[in-house]
Amino acid sequence: MSINRAELLALPIEAKLELVELLWDNLGDQPSPLPIPPWAIAQAKQRQNEMKADPTSGVSQQEIWRRVAEHRNG
């Protein structure tokens, strides 16, 4: 398979988003679970331990969505 990186990077944002959506949907259609790399597992464990040690270090889901809405509204 040959993919021209320069051509991909030159695509308009709408086309890039369409490709990302196509790839994401295809990954979700796979019959077996996707492998999780060891570095991602280690990172998740580290963050879980940090949250257990200090639950106030994170933010709630509601706060995340409030920040997203605030960012979108400028």
N, C-alpha and C. Protein backbone atom coordinates (compact mmCIF):
# COMPACT_ATOMS: atom_id res chain seq x y z
N MET A 1 0.85 -1.18 0.00
CA MET A 1 0.00 0.00 0.00
C MET A 1 0.89 1.24 0.00
N SER A 2 0.57 2.16 -0.86
CA SER A 2 1.35 3.38 -0.94
C SER A 2 0.43 4.57 -0.69
N ILE A 3 0.74 5.33 0.33
CA ILE A 3 -0.03 6.53 0.67
C ILE A 3 0.90 7.72 0.55
N ASN A 4 0.47 8.71 -0.21
CA ASN A 4 1.28 9.91 -0.38
C ASN A 4 0.97 10.87 0.77
N ARG A 5 1.90 10.96 1.70
CA ARG A 5 1.70 11.78 2.90
C ARG A 5 1.45 13.25 2.56
N ALA A 6 2.21 13.76 1.60
CA ALA A 6 2.05 15.17 1.21
C ALA A 6 0.65 15.44 0.68
N GLU A 7 0.12 14.51 -0.10
CA GLU A 7 -1.24 14.68 -0.63
C GLU A 7 -2.27 14.65 0.49
N LEU A 8 -2.08 13.75 1.44
CA LEU A 8 -3.01 13.69 2.58
C LEU A 8 -2.99 14.98 3.38
N LEU A 9 -1.79 15.47 3.65
CA LEU A 9 -1.67 16.70 4.44
C LEU A 9 -2.20 17.92 3.70
N ALA A 10 -2.25 17.85 2.38
CA ALA A 10 -2.73 18.98 1.58
C ALA A 10 -4.26 18.98 1.43
N LEU A 11 -4.91 17.92 1.87
CA LEU A 11 -6.37 17.85 1.74
C LEU A 11 -7.03 18.94 2.58
N PRO A 12 -8.20 19.40 2.14
CA PRO A 12 -8.94 20.36 2.96
C PRO A 12 -9.43 19.68 4.24
N ILE A 13 -9.68 20.47 5.25
CA ILE A 13 -10.05 19.95 6.56
C ILE A 13 -11.27 19.03 6.49
N GLU A 14 -12.24 19.36 5.65
CA GLU A 14 -13.44 18.53 5.54
C GLU A 14 -13.09 17.12 5.06
N ALA A 15 -12.19 17.02 4.10
CA ALA A 15 -11.77 15.72 3.59
C ALA A 15 -10.97 14.95 4.63
N LYS A 16 -10.14 15.66 5.39
CA LYS A 16 -9.38 15.01 6.46
C LYS A 16 -10.32 14.43 7.51
N LEU A 17 -11.32 15.22 7.89
CA LEU A 17 -12.29 14.75 8.89
C LEU A 17 -13.07 13.54 8.38
N GLU A 18 -13.40 13.55 7.11
CA GLU A 18 -14.11 12.42 6.51
C GLU A 18 -13.25 11.15 6.57
N LEU A 19 -11.96 11.30 6.28
CA LEU A 19 -11.05 10.16 6.34
C LEU A 19 -10.90 9.65 7.78
N VAL A 20 -10.79 10.56 8.73
CA VAL A 20 -10.68 10.16 10.13
C VAL A 20 -11.92 9.40 10.56
N GLU A 21 -13.09 9.90 10.17
CA GLU A 21 -14.34 9.22 10.52
C GLU A 21 -14.40 7.83 9.89
N LEU A 22 -14.01 7.72 8.64
CA LEU A 22 -14.00 6.44 7.96
C LEU A 22 -13.08 5.45 8.67
N LEU A 23 -11.87 5.90 9.01
CA LEU A 23 -10.92 5.03 9.71
C LEU A 23 -11.43 4.65 11.10
N TRP A 24 -11.99 5.62 11.84
CA TRP A 24 -12.49 5.35 13.18
C TRP A 24 -13.62 4.31 13.13
N ASP A 25 -14.55 4.49 12.21
CA ASP A 25 -15.65 3.54 12.07
C ASP A 25 -15.14 2.16 11.71
N ASN A 26 -14.13 2.10 10.85
CA ASN A 26 -13.57 0.82 10.45
C ASN A 26 -12.90 0.13 11.63
N LEU A 27 -12.20 0.89 12.46
CA LEU A 27 -11.58 0.29 13.65
C LEU A 27 -12.64 -0.28 14.59
N GLY A 28 -13.76 0.43 14.72
CA GLY A 28 -14.84 -0.04 15.59
C GLY A 28 -15.54 -1.28 15.06
N ASP A 29 -15.44 -1.52 13.77
CA ASP A 29 -16.08 -2.68 13.16
C ASP A 29 -15.25 -3.96 13.27
N GLN A 30 -14.05 -3.86 13.80
CA GLN A 30 -13.18 -5.03 13.89
C GLN A 30 -13.77 -6.04 14.88
N PRO A 31 -13.70 -7.33 14.56
CA PRO A 31 -14.32 -8.34 15.41
C PRO A 31 -13.60 -8.56 16.75
N SER A 32 -12.31 -8.27 16.80
CA SER A 32 -11.57 -8.48 18.04
C SER A 32 -11.19 -7.12 18.65
N PRO A 33 -10.98 -7.10 19.96
CA PRO A 33 -10.60 -5.84 20.59
C PRO A 33 -9.27 -5.32 20.04
N LEU A 34 -9.16 -4.02 20.01
CA LEU A 34 -7.91 -3.40 19.56
C LEU A 34 -6.86 -3.55 20.66
N PRO A 35 -5.63 -3.81 20.28
CA PRO A 35 -4.59 -3.95 21.29
C PRO A 35 -4.29 -2.59 21.94
N ILE A 36 -4.05 -2.61 23.23
CA ILE A 36 -3.67 -1.40 23.95
C ILE A 36 -2.17 -1.48 24.20
N PRO A 37 -1.42 -0.49 23.73
CA PRO A 37 0.03 -0.56 23.92
C PRO A 37 0.39 -0.45 25.40
N PRO A 38 1.49 -1.09 25.79
CA PRO A 38 1.90 -1.06 27.20
C PRO A 38 2.04 0.36 27.77
N TRP A 39 2.53 1.31 26.96
CA TRP A 39 2.69 2.67 27.46
C TRP A 39 1.35 3.28 27.85
N ALA A 40 0.28 2.95 27.13
CA ALA A 40 -1.03 3.50 27.43
C ALA A 40 -1.59 2.91 28.72
N ILE A 41 -1.35 1.63 28.93
CA ILE A 41 -1.78 0.97 30.17
C ILE A 41 -1.03 1.58 31.35
N ALA A 42 0.27 1.78 31.20
CA ALA A 42 1.07 2.37 32.28
C ALA A 42 0.59 3.78 32.60
N GLN A 43 0.29 4.55 31.57
CA GLN A 43 -0.18 5.93 31.76
C GLN A 43 -1.53 5.94 32.48
N ALA A 44 -2.43 5.04 32.10
CA ALA A 44 -3.74 4.97 32.75
C ALA A 44 -3.60 4.59 34.22
N LYS A 45 -2.73 3.65 34.52
CA LYS A 45 -2.50 3.24 35.91
C LYS A 45 -1.91 4.38 36.72
N GLN A 46 -0.97 5.11 36.13
CA GLN A 46 -0.37 6.25 36.82
C GLN A 46 -1.44 7.29 37.14
N ARG A 47 -2.28 7.61 36.18
CA ARG A 47 -3.33 8.61 36.41
C ARG A 47 -4.34 8.13 37.43
N GLN A 48 -4.67 6.84 37.39
CA GLN A 48 -5.60 6.28 38.37
C GLN A 48 -5.01 6.40 39.78
N ASN A 49 -3.73 6.08 39.92
CA ASN A 49 -3.07 6.20 41.22
C ASN A 49 -3.04 7.65 41.70
N GLU A 50 -2.79 8.58 40.80
CA GLU A 50 -2.79 10.00 41.16
C GLU A 50 -4.16 10.45 41.65
N MET A 51 -5.21 9.98 40.97
CA MET A 51 -6.57 10.35 41.38
C MET A 51 -6.94 9.74 42.73
N LYS A 52 -6.50 8.50 42.97
CA LYS A 52 -6.75 7.86 44.27
C LYS A 52 -6.03 8.60 45.38
N ALA A 53 -4.81 9.04 45.11
CA ALA A 53 -4.01 9.74 46.11
C ALA A 53 -4.59 11.12 46.41
N ASP A 54 -5.14 11.78 45.40
CA ASP A 54 -5.70 13.13 45.58
C ASP A 54 -6.90 13.31 44.65
N PRO A 55 -8.09 12.91 45.13
CA PRO A 55 -9.29 13.02 44.29
C PRO A 55 -9.61 14.44 43.82
N THR A 56 -9.08 15.44 44.51
CA THR A 56 -9.35 16.83 44.11
C THR A 56 -8.47 17.28 42.95
N SER A 57 -7.54 16.42 42.52
CA SER A 57 -6.63 16.81 41.44
C SER A 57 -7.30 16.78 40.07
N GLY A 58 -8.44 16.15 39.96
CA GLY A 58 -9.15 16.07 38.69
C GLY A 58 -10.36 16.99 38.66
N VAL A 59 -11.07 16.95 37.57
CA VAL A 59 -12.31 17.72 37.45
C VAL A 59 -13.45 16.79 37.06
N SER A 60 -14.65 17.19 37.38
CA SER A 60 -15.82 16.37 37.09
C SER A 60 -16.15 16.41 35.60
N GLN A 61 -16.96 15.45 35.20
CA GLN A 61 -17.43 15.42 33.81
C GLN A 61 -18.21 16.69 33.50
N GLN A 62 -19.01 17.13 34.45
CA GLN A 62 -19.79 18.36 34.26
C GLN A 62 -18.88 19.56 34.02
N GLU A 63 -17.78 19.63 34.75
CA GLU A 63 -16.83 20.73 34.58
C GLU A 63 -16.16 20.67 33.21
N ILE A 64 -15.83 19.49 32.78
CA ILE A 64 -15.24 19.35 31.45
C ILE A 64 -16.19 19.89 30.39
N TRP A 65 -17.46 19.47 30.44
CA TRP A 65 -18.44 19.93 29.45
C TRP A 65 -18.70 21.42 29.57
N ARG A 66 -18.64 21.97 30.79
CA ARG A 66 -18.81 23.41 30.94
C ARG A 66 -17.67 24.14 30.24
N ARG A 67 -16.46 23.62 30.39
CA ARG A 67 -15.30 24.23 29.73
C ARG A 67 -15.38 24.14 28.23
N VAL A 68 -15.86 22.99 27.74
CA VAL A 68 -16.03 22.83 26.28
C VAL A 68 -17.02 23.85 25.76
N ALA A 69 -18.17 23.98 26.45
CA ALA A 69 -19.19 24.93 26.03
C ALA A 69 -18.65 26.37 26.09
N GLU A 70 -17.91 26.67 27.13
CA GLU A 70 -17.33 28.01 27.26
C GLU A 70 -16.36 28.30 26.13
N HIS A 71 -15.56 27.32 25.79
CA HIS A 71 -14.59 27.49 24.70
C HIS A 71 -15.30 27.70 23.36
N ARG A 72 -16.37 26.93 23.14
CA ARG A 72 -17.11 27.04 21.88
C ARG A 72 -17.78 28.40 21.76
N ASN A 73 -18.25 28.93 22.87
CA ASN A 73 -18.98 30.20 22.84
C ASN A 73 -18.05 31.41 22.90
N GLY A 74 -16.78 31.14 23.08
CA GLY A 74 -15.79 32.21 23.06
C GLY A 74 -15.83 33.01 24.30
